Amino acid sequence: ETSVNRFTPRATRDRARPQIDELIAAARVPVFLL
């Protein structure tokens, strides 16, 4: 659901987005194999 874990800084944790959104945003062509 999110990339947050126990090591995530509080400031980053508060701005967390869905993990799928982060992955799609990171590249011009995101490729998912599942």
PDB file of all heavy atoms in Angstrom:
ATOM      1  N   GLU A   1       0.827  -1.208   0.000  1.00  0.00           N
ATOM      2  CA  GLU A   1       0.000   0.000   0.000  1.00  0.00           C
ATOM      3  C   GLU A   1       0.859   1.255   0.000  1.00  0.00           C
ATOM      4  O   GLU A   1       0.619   2.186  -0.777  1.00  0.00           O
ATOM      5  CB  GLU A   1      -0.932  -0.006   1.213  1.00  0.00           C
ATOM      6  CG  GLU A   1      -1.923   1.151   1.219  1.00  0.00           C
ATOM      7  CD  GLU A   1      -2.914   1.068   2.362  1.00  0.00           C
ATOM      8  OE1 GLU A   1      -2.975   0.020   3.038  1.00  0.00           O
ATOM      9  OE2 GLU A   1      -3.625   2.061   2.596  1.00  0.00           O
ATOM     10  N   THR A   2       1.860   1.293   0.864  1.00  0.00           N
ATOM     11  CA  THR A   2       2.798   2.425   0.893  1.00  0.00           C
ATOM     12  C   THR A   2       4.212   1.886   1.080  1.00  0.00           C
ATOM     13  O   THR A   2       4.415   0.721   1.400  1.00  0.00           O
ATOM     14  CB  THR A   2       2.502   3.412   2.041  1.00  0.00           C
ATOM     15  OG1 THR A   2       2.925   2.839   3.290  1.00  0.00           O
ATOM     16  CG2 THR A   2       1.029   3.780   2.099  1.00  0.00           C
ATOM     17  N   SER A   3       5.194   2.766   0.894  1.00  0.00           N
ATOM     18  CA  SER A   3       6.600   2.400   1.091  1.00  0.00           C
ATOM     19  C   SER A   3       7.075   2.662   2.513  1.00  0.00           C
ATOM     20  O   SER A   3       8.244   2.434   2.834  1.00  0.00           O
ATOM     21  CB  SER A   3       7.484   3.188   0.108  1.00  0.00           C
ATOM     22  OG  SER A   3       7.165   2.865  -1.223  1.00  0.00           O
ATOM     23  N   VAL A   4       6.198   3.136   3.354  1.00  0.00           N
ATOM     24  CA  VAL A   4       6.576   3.484   4.727  1.00  0.00           C
ATOM     25  C   VAL A   4       6.910   2.225   5.522  1.00  0.00           C
ATOM     26  O   VAL A   4       6.195   1.213   5.450  1.00  0.00           O
ATOM     27  CB  VAL A   4       5.428   4.245   5.421  1.00  0.00           C
ATOM     28  CG1 VAL A   4       5.705   4.419   6.903  1.00  0.00           C
ATOM     29  CG2 VAL A   4       5.214   5.599   4.744  1.00  0.00           C
ATOM     30  N   ASN A   5       8.006   2.282   6.268  1.00  0.00           N
ATOM     31  CA  ASN A   5       8.341   1.224   7.219  1.00  0.00           C
ATOM     32  C   ASN A   5       8.877   1.869   8.495  1.00  0.00           C
ATOM     33  O   ASN A   5       8.877   3.098   8.621  1.00  0.00           O
ATOM     34  CB  ASN A   5       9.350   0.227   6.627  1.00  0.00           C
ATOM     35  CG  ASN A   5      10.643   0.905   6.179  1.00  0.00           C
ATOM     36  OD1 ASN A   5      11.142   1.826   6.829  1.00  0.00           O
ATOM     37  ND2 ASN A   5      11.181   0.458   5.042  1.00  0.00           N
ATOM     38  N   ARG A   6       9.350   1.061   9.417  1.00  0.00           N
ATOM     39  CA  ARG A   6       9.748   1.617  10.719  1.00  0.00           C
ATOM     40  C   ARG A   6      10.984   2.500  10.635  1.00  0.00           C
ATOM     41  O   ARG A   6      11.282   3.242  11.574  1.00  0.00           O
ATOM     42  CB  ARG A   6       9.980   0.482  11.727  1.00  0.00           C
ATOM     43  CG  ARG A   6      11.157  -0.421  11.436  1.00  0.00           C
ATOM     44  CD  ARG A   6      11.256  -1.502  12.529  1.00  0.00           C
ATOM     45  NE  ARG A   6      12.450  -2.316  12.440  1.00  0.00           N
ATOM     46  CZ  ARG A   6      12.582  -3.387  11.688  1.00  0.00           C
ATOM     47  NH1 ARG A   6      11.569  -3.772  10.926  1.00  0.00           N
ATOM     48  NH2 ARG A   6      13.702  -4.081  11.669  1.00  0.00           N
ATOM     49  N   PHE A   7      11.701   2.450   9.518  1.00  0.00           N
ATOM     50  CA  PHE A   7      12.900   3.288   9.369  1.00  0.00           C
ATOM     51  C   PHE A   7      12.611   4.601   8.636  1.00  0.00           C
ATOM     52  O   PHE A   7      13.495   5.440   8.495  1.00  0.00           O
ATOM     53  CB  PHE A   7      13.988   2.523   8.599  1.00  0.00           C
ATOM     54  CG  PHE A   7      14.381   1.217   9.237  1.00  0.00           C
ATOM     55  CD1 PHE A   7      14.063   0.010   8.635  1.00  0.00           C
ATOM     56  CD2 PHE A   7      15.060   1.193  10.449  1.00  0.00           C
ATOM     57  CE1 PHE A   7      14.409  -1.190   9.212  1.00  0.00           C
ATOM     58  CE2 PHE A   7      15.406  -0.006  11.040  1.00  0.00           C
ATOM     59  CZ  PHE A   7      15.091  -1.204  10.425  1.00  0.00           C
ATOM     60  N   THR A   8      11.384   4.778   8.191  1.00  0.00           N
ATOM     61  CA  THR A   8      11.044   5.981   7.427  1.00  0.00           C
ATOM     62  C   THR A   8      10.991   7.197   8.349  1.00  0.00           C
ATOM     63  O   THR A   8      10.277   7.184   9.357  1.00  0.00           O
ATOM     64  CB  THR A   8       9.684   5.813   6.737  1.00  0.00           C
ATOM     65  OG1 THR A   8       9.702   4.625   5.941  1.00  0.00           O
ATOM     66  CG2 THR A   8       9.372   7.004   5.849  1.00  0.00           C
ATOM     67  N   PRO A   9      11.732   8.277   8.020  1.00  0.00           N
ATOM     68  CA  PRO A   9      11.680   9.490   8.854  1.00  0.00           C
ATOM     69  C   PRO A   9      10.257  10.053   8.917  1.00  0.00           C
ATOM     70  O   PRO A   9       9.478   9.910   7.965  1.00  0.00           O
ATOM     71  CB  PRO A   9      12.620  10.460   8.126  1.00  0.00           C
ATOM     72  CG  PRO A   9      13.496   9.603   7.279  1.00  0.00           C
ATOM     73  CD  PRO A   9      12.685   8.406   6.903  1.00  0.00           C
ATOM     74  N   ARG A  10       9.919  10.681  10.046  1.00  0.00           N
ATOM     75  CA  ARG A  10       8.568  11.192  10.250  1.00  0.00           C
ATOM     76  C   ARG A  10       8.173  12.178   9.152  1.00  0.00           C
ATOM     77  O   ARG A  10       7.037  12.149   8.656  1.00  0.00           O
ATOM     78  CB  ARG A  10       8.464  11.859  11.626  1.00  0.00           C
ATOM     79  CG  ARG A  10       7.064  12.409  11.926  1.00  0.00           C
ATOM     80  CD  ARG A  10       7.001  13.022  13.315  1.00  0.00           C
ATOM     81  NE  ARG A  10       7.235  12.013  14.335  1.00  0.00           N
ATOM     82  CZ  ARG A  10       6.286  11.197  14.799  1.00  0.00           C
ATOM     83  NH1 ARG A  10       5.060  11.270  14.312  1.00  0.00           N
ATOM     84  NH2 ARG A  10       6.560  10.320  15.732  1.00  0.00           N
ATOM     85  N   ALA A  11       9.110  13.047   8.751  1.00  0.00           N
ATOM     86  CA  ALA A  11       8.768  14.056   7.745  1.00  0.00           C
ATOM     87  C   ALA A  11       8.378  13.394   6.422  1.00  0.00           C
ATOM     88  O   ALA A  11       7.444  13.822   5.749  1.00  0.00           O
ATOM     89  CB  ALA A  11       9.948  14.997   7.539  1.00  0.00           C
ATOM     90  N   THR A  12       9.093  12.344   6.061  1.00  0.00           N
ATOM     91  CA  THR A  12       8.779  11.617   4.830  1.00  0.00           C
ATOM     92  C   THR A  12       7.500  10.821   4.984  1.00  0.00           C
ATOM     93  O   THR A  12       6.676  10.728   4.067  1.00  0.00           O
ATOM     94  CB  THR A  12       9.942  10.672   4.464  1.00  0.00           C
ATOM     95  OG1 THR A  12      11.153  11.429   4.366  1.00  0.00           O
ATOM     96  CG2 THR A  12       9.685   9.973   3.141  1.00  0.00           C
ATOM     97  N   ARG A  13       7.311  10.258   6.184  1.00  0.00           N
ATOM     98  CA  ARG A  13       6.126   9.445   6.461  1.00  0.00           C
ATOM     99  C   ARG A  13       4.844  10.261   6.261  1.00  0.00           C
ATOM    100  O   ARG A  13       3.849   9.766   5.743  1.00  0.00           O
ATOM    101  CB  ARG A  13       6.221   8.929   7.892  1.00  0.00           C
ATOM    102  CG  ARG A  13       5.182   7.904   8.286  1.00  0.00           C
ATOM    103  CD  ARG A  13       5.334   7.597   9.776  1.00  0.00           C
ATOM    104  NE  ARG A  13       6.646   7.102  10.084  1.00  0.00           N
ATOM    105  CZ  ARG A  13       6.931   5.825  10.338  1.00  0.00           C
ATOM    106  NH1 ARG A  13       5.961   4.935  10.316  1.00  0.00           N
ATOM    107  NH2 ARG A  13       8.163   5.450  10.625  1.00  0.00           N
ATOM    108  N   ASP A  14       4.891  11.517   6.660  1.00  0.00           N
ATOM    109  CA  ASP A  14       3.702  12.366   6.570  1.00  0.00           C
ATOM    110  C   ASP A  14       3.332  12.694   5.123  1.00  0.00           C
ATOM    111  O   ASP A  14       2.189  13.055   4.839  1.00  0.00           O
ATOM    112  CB  ASP A  14       3.926  13.669   7.353  1.00  0.00           C
ATOM    113  CG  ASP A  14       4.020  13.426   8.859  1.00  0.00           C
ATOM    114  OD1 ASP A  14       3.549  12.364   9.308  1.00  0.00           O
ATOM    115  OD2 ASP A  14       4.580  14.288   9.575  1.00  0.00           O
ATOM    116  N   ARG A  15       4.310  12.578   4.215  1.00  0.00           N
ATOM    117  CA  ARG A  15       4.049  12.896   2.804  1.00  0.00           C
ATOM    118  C   ARG A  15       3.889  11.638   1.953  1.00  0.00           C
ATOM    119  O   ARG A  15       3.906  11.704   0.720  1.00  0.00           O
ATOM    120  CB  ARG A  15       5.207  13.725   2.229  1.00  0.00           C
ATOM    121  CG  ARG A  15       5.426  15.067   2.918  1.00  0.00           C
ATOM    122  CD  ARG A  15       6.340  15.962   2.084  1.00  0.00           C
ATOM    123  NE  ARG A  15       7.606  15.304   1.780  1.00  0.00           N
ATOM    124  CZ  ARG A  15       8.689  15.362   2.550  1.00  0.00           C
ATOM    125  NH1 ARG A  15       8.651  16.042   3.685  1.00  0.00           N
ATOM    126  NH2 ARG A  15       9.802  14.751   2.197  1.00  0.00           N
ATOM    127  N   ALA A  16       3.734  10.511   2.581  1.00  0.00           N
ATOM    128  CA  ALA A  16       3.714   9.232   1.862  1.00  0.00           C
ATOM    129  C   ALA A  16       2.557   9.139   0.878  1.00  0.00           C
ATOM    130  O   ALA A  16       1.438   9.566   1.160  1.00  0.00           O
ATOM    131  CB  ALA A  16       3.641   8.085   2.860  1.00  0.00           C
ATOM    132  N   ARG A  17       2.845   8.614  -0.288  1.00  0.00           N
ATOM    133  CA  ARG A  17       1.841   8.351  -1.323  1.00  0.00           C
ATOM    134  C   ARG A  17       1.692   6.838  -1.468  1.00  0.00           C
ATOM    135  O   ARG A  17       2.504   6.069  -0.962  1.00  0.00           O
ATOM    136  CB  ARG A  17       2.319   8.931  -2.662  1.00  0.00           C
ATOM    137  CG  ARG A  17       2.478  10.430  -2.689  1.00  0.00           C
ATOM    138  CD  ARG A  17       3.029  10.862  -4.055  1.00  0.00           C
ATOM    139  NE  ARG A  17       4.413  10.430  -4.250  1.00  0.00           N
ATOM    140  CZ  ARG A  17       5.035  10.383  -5.421  1.00  0.00           C
ATOM    141  NH1 ARG A  17       4.365  10.686  -6.524  1.00  0.00           N
ATOM    142  NH2 ARG A  17       6.294  10.005  -5.511  1.00  0.00           N
ATOM    143  N   PRO A  18       0.671   6.394  -2.203  1.00  0.00           N
ATOM    144  CA  PRO A  18       0.599   4.963  -2.515  1.00  0.00           C
ATOM    145  C   PRO A  18       1.861   4.512  -3.245  1.00  0.00           C
ATOM    146  O   PRO A  18       2.382   5.242  -4.101  1.00  0.00           O
ATOM    147  CB  PRO A  18      -0.640   4.860  -3.414  1.00  0.00           C
ATOM    148  CG  PRO A  18      -1.470   6.042  -3.058  1.00  0.00           C
ATOM    149  CD  PRO A  18      -0.495   7.134  -2.724  1.00  0.00           C
ATOM    150  N   GLN A  19       2.356   3.328  -2.905  1.00  0.00           N
ATOM    151  CA  GLN A  19       3.584   2.840  -3.535  1.00  0.00           C
ATOM    152  C   GLN A  19       3.434   2.731  -5.049  1.00  0.00           C
ATOM    153  O   GLN A  19       4.369   3.041  -5.797  1.00  0.00           O
ATOM    154  CB  GLN A  19       3.974   1.481  -2.948  1.00  0.00           C
ATOM    155  CG  GLN A  19       5.360   1.021  -3.353  1.00  0.00           C
ATOM    156  CD  GLN A  19       5.786  -0.236  -2.615  1.00  0.00           C
ATOM    157  OE1 GLN A  19       5.397  -1.336  -2.974  1.00  0.00           O
ATOM    158  NE2 GLN A  19       6.592  -0.062  -1.572  1.00  0.00           N
ATOM    159  N   ILE A  20       2.262   2.331  -5.513  1.00  0.00           N
ATOM    160  CA  ILE A  20       2.043   2.215  -6.948  1.00  0.00           C
ATOM    161  C   ILE A  20       2.197   3.565  -7.637  1.00  0.00           C
ATOM    162  O   ILE A  20       2.735   3.664  -8.744  1.00  0.00           O
ATOM    163  CB  ILE A  20       0.656   1.599  -7.243  1.00  0.00           C
ATOM    164  CG1 ILE A  20       0.444   1.417  -8.734  1.00  0.00           C
ATOM    165  CG2 ILE A  20      -0.467   2.440  -6.677  1.00  0.00           C
ATOM    166  CD1 ILE A  20       1.333   0.426  -9.373  1.00  0.00           C
ATOM    167  N   ASP A  21       1.786   4.644  -6.978  1.00  0.00           N
ATOM    168  CA  ASP A  21       1.921   5.986  -7.533  1.00  0.00           C
ATOM    169  C   ASP A  21       3.393   6.374  -7.644  1.00  0.00           C
ATOM    170  O   ASP A  21       3.822   6.961  -8.643  1.00  0.00           O
ATOM    171  CB  ASP A  21       1.165   6.991  -6.663  1.00  0.00           C
ATOM    172  CG  ASP A  21       1.141   8.378  -7.271  1.00  0.00           C
ATOM    173  OD1 ASP A  21       0.750   8.489  -8.448  1.00  0.00           O
ATOM    174  OD2 ASP A  21       1.525   9.342  -6.587  1.00  0.00           O
ATOM    175  N   GLU A  22       4.178   6.046  -6.618  1.00  0.00           N
ATOM    176  CA  GLU A  22       5.617   6.348  -6.649  1.00  0.00           C
ATOM    177  C   GLU A  22       6.302   5.636  -7.809  1.00  0.00           C
ATOM    178  O   GLU A  22       7.146   6.223  -8.504  1.00  0.00           O
ATOM    179  CB  GLU A  22       6.260   5.922  -5.330  1.00  0.00           C
ATOM    180  CG  GLU A  22       5.762   6.689  -4.113  1.00  0.00           C
ATOM    181  CD  GLU A  22       6.188   6.046  -2.806  1.00  0.00           C
ATOM    182  OE1 GLU A  22       6.834   4.972  -2.847  1.00  0.00           O
ATOM    183  OE2 GLU A  22       5.850   6.614  -1.749  1.00  0.00           O
ATOM    184  N   LEU A  23       5.949   4.375  -8.028  1.00  0.00           N
ATOM    185  CA  LEU A  23       6.605   3.589  -9.073  1.00  0.00           C
ATOM    186  C   LEU A  23       6.225   4.087 -10.458  1.00  0.00           C
ATOM    187  O   LEU A  23       7.080   4.200 -11.345  1.00  0.00           O
ATOM    188  CB  LEU A  23       6.239   2.109  -8.909  1.00  0.00           C
ATOM    189  CG  LEU A  23       6.717   1.454  -7.607  1.00  0.00           C
ATOM    190  CD1 LEU A  23       6.123   0.055  -7.456  1.00  0.00           C
ATOM    191  CD2 LEU A  23       8.235   1.391  -7.550  1.00  0.00           C
ATOM    192  N   ILE A  24       4.963   4.414 -10.660  1.00  0.00           N
ATOM    193  CA  ILE A  24       4.527   4.927 -11.956  1.00  0.00           C
ATOM    194  C   ILE A  24       5.163   6.289 -12.234  1.00  0.00           C
ATOM    195  O   ILE A  24       5.571   6.592 -13.361  1.00  0.00           O
ATOM    196  CB  ILE A  24       2.988   5.010 -12.025  1.00  0.00           C
ATOM    197  CG1 ILE A  24       2.389   3.600 -12.112  1.00  0.00           C
ATOM    198  CG2 ILE A  24       2.533   5.851 -13.218  1.00  0.00           C
ATOM    199  CD1 ILE A  24       0.882   3.572 -12.111  1.00  0.00           C
ATOM    200  N   ALA A  25       5.272   7.103 -11.207  1.00  0.00           N
ATOM    201  CA  ALA A  25       5.825   8.454 -11.388  1.00  0.00           C
ATOM    202  C   ALA A  25       7.316   8.447 -11.707  1.00  0.00           C
ATOM    203  O   ALA A  25       7.825   9.378 -12.327  1.00  0.00           O
ATOM    204  CB  ALA A  25       5.570   9.284 -10.132  1.00  0.00           C
ATOM    205  N   ALA A  26       8.028   7.396 -11.308  1.00  0.00           N
ATOM    206  CA  ALA A  26       9.493   7.404 -11.364  1.00  0.00           C
ATOM    207  C   ALA A  26      10.058   7.260 -12.769  1.00  0.00           C
ATOM    208  O   ALA A  26      11.231   7.564 -12.991  1.00  0.00           O
ATOM    209  CB  ALA A  26      10.046   6.288 -10.470  1.00  0.00           C
ATOM    210  N   ALA A  27       9.261   6.793 -13.742  1.00  0.00           N
ATOM    211  CA  ALA A  27       9.815   6.528 -15.072  1.00  0.00           C
ATOM    212  C   ALA A  27       8.823   6.881 -16.165  1.00  0.00           C
ATOM    213  O   ALA A  27       7.609   6.901 -15.959  1.00  0.00           O
ATOM    214  CB  ALA A  27      10.194   5.045 -15.186  1.00  0.00           C
ATOM    215  N   ARG A  28       9.357   7.154 -17.345  1.00  0.00           N
ATOM    216  CA  ARG A  28       8.508   7.420 -18.498  1.00  0.00           C
ATOM    217  C   ARG A  28       7.752   6.151 -18.922  1.00  0.00           C
ATOM    218  O   ARG A  28       6.637   6.222 -19.423  1.00  0.00           O
ATOM    219  CB  ARG A  28       9.350   7.930 -19.671  1.00  0.00           C
ATOM    220  CG  ARG A  28       9.844   9.359 -19.486  1.00  0.00           C
ATOM    221  CD  ARG A  28      10.612   9.821 -20.713  1.00  0.00           C
ATOM    222  NE  ARG A  28      10.946  11.238 -20.600  1.00  0.00           N
ATOM    223  CZ  ARG A  28      10.147  12.216 -20.975  1.00  0.00           C
ATOM    224  NH1 ARG A  28       8.974  11.937 -21.497  1.00  0.00           N
ATOM    225  NH2 ARG A  28      10.516  13.468 -20.851  1.00  0.00           N
ATOM    226  N   VAL A  29       8.410   4.991 -18.732  1.00  0.00           N
ATOM    227  CA  VAL A  29       7.763   3.711 -19.046  1.00  0.00           C
ATOM    228  C   VAL A  29       7.935   2.772 -17.848  1.00  0.00           C
ATOM    229  O   VAL A  29       8.930   2.071 -17.742  1.00  0.00           O
ATOM    230  CB  VAL A  29       8.342   3.062 -20.319  1.00  0.00           C
ATOM    231  CG1 VAL A  29       7.600   1.752 -20.635  1.00  0.00           C
ATOM    232  CG2 VAL A  29       8.266   4.010 -21.509  1.00  0.00           C
ATOM    233  N   PRO A  30       6.995   2.763 -16.922  1.00  0.00           N
ATOM    234  CA  PRO A  30       7.038   1.772 -15.848  1.00  0.00           C
ATOM    235  C   PRO A  30       6.503   0.429 -16.363  1.00  0.00           C
ATOM    236  O   PRO A  30       5.493   0.390 -17.077  1.00  0.00           O
ATOM    237  CB  PRO A  30       6.129   2.347 -14.760  1.00  0.00           C
ATOM    238  CG  PRO A  30       5.384   3.469 -15.391  1.00  0.00           C
ATOM    239  CD  PRO A  30       5.917   3.728 -16.758  1.00  0.00           C
ATOM    240  N   VAL A  31       7.200  -0.651 -16.009  1.00  0.00           N
ATOM    241  CA  VAL A  31       6.832  -1.993 -16.470  1.00  0.00           C
ATOM    242  C   VAL A  31       6.578  -2.866 -15.250  1.00  0.00           C
ATOM    243  O   VAL A  31       7.433  -2.956 -14.358  1.00  0.00           O
ATOM    244  CB  VAL A  31       7.955  -2.611 -17.328  1.00  0.00           C
ATOM    245  CG1 VAL A  31       7.546  -3.998 -17.827  1.00  0.00           C
ATOM    246  CG2 VAL A  31       8.294  -1.701 -18.501  1.00  0.00           C
ATOM    247  N   PHE A  32       5.414  -3.517 -15.193  1.00  0.00           N
ATOM    248  CA  PHE A  32       5.046  -4.355 -14.053  1.00  0.00           C
ATOM    249  C   PHE A  32       4.883  -5.793 -14.519  1.00  0.00           C
ATOM    250  O   PHE A  32       4.128  -6.072 -15.463  1.00  0.00           O
ATOM    251  CB  PHE A  32       3.742  -3.851 -13.429  1.00  0.00           C
ATOM    252  CG  PHE A  32       3.820  -2.443 -12.915  1.00  0.00           C
ATOM    253  CD1 PHE A  32       3.485  -1.363 -13.723  1.00  0.00           C
ATOM    254  CD2 PHE A  32       4.246  -2.188 -11.616  1.00  0.00           C
ATOM    255  CE1 PHE A  32       3.577  -0.060 -13.257  1.00  0.00           C
ATOM    256  CE2 PHE A  32       4.336  -0.881 -11.140  1.00  0.00           C
ATOM    257  CZ  PHE A  32       3.997   0.181 -11.957  1.00  0.00           C
ATOM    258  N   LEU A  33       5.567  -6.716 -13.855  1.00  0.00           N
ATOM    259  CA  LEU A  33       5.473  -8.140 -14.169  1.00  0.00           C
ATOM    260  C   LEU A  33       4.992  -8.862 -12.923  1.00  0.00           C
ATOM    261  O   LEU A  33       5.612  -8.733 -11.855  1.00  0.00           O
ATOM    262  CB  LEU A  33       6.822  -8.692 -14.631  1.00  0.00           C
ATOM    263  CG  LEU A  33       7.441  -7.948 -15.838  1.00  0.00           C
ATOM    264  CD1 LEU A  33       8.572  -7.037 -15.361  1.00  0.00           C
ATOM    265  CD2 LEU A  33       7.960  -8.918 -16.878  1.00  0.00           C
ATOM    266  N   LEU A  34       3.883  -9.619 -13.032  1.00  0.00           N
ATOM    267  CA  LEU A  34       3.268 -10.146 -11.807  1.00  0.00           C
ATOM    268  C   LEU A  34       2.510 -11.449 -12.048  1.00  0.00           C
ATOM    269  O   LEU A  34       2.182 -11.817 -13.166  1.00  0.00           O
ATOM    270  CB  LEU A  34       2.318  -9.098 -11.220  1.00  0.00           C
ATOM    271  CG  LEU A  34       1.172  -8.614 -12.109  1.00  0.00           C
ATOM    272  CD1 LEU A  34      -0.073  -9.448 -11.892  1.00  0.00           C
ATOM    273  CD2 LEU A  34       0.872  -7.139 -11.850  1.00  0.00           C
TER     274      LEU A  34
END
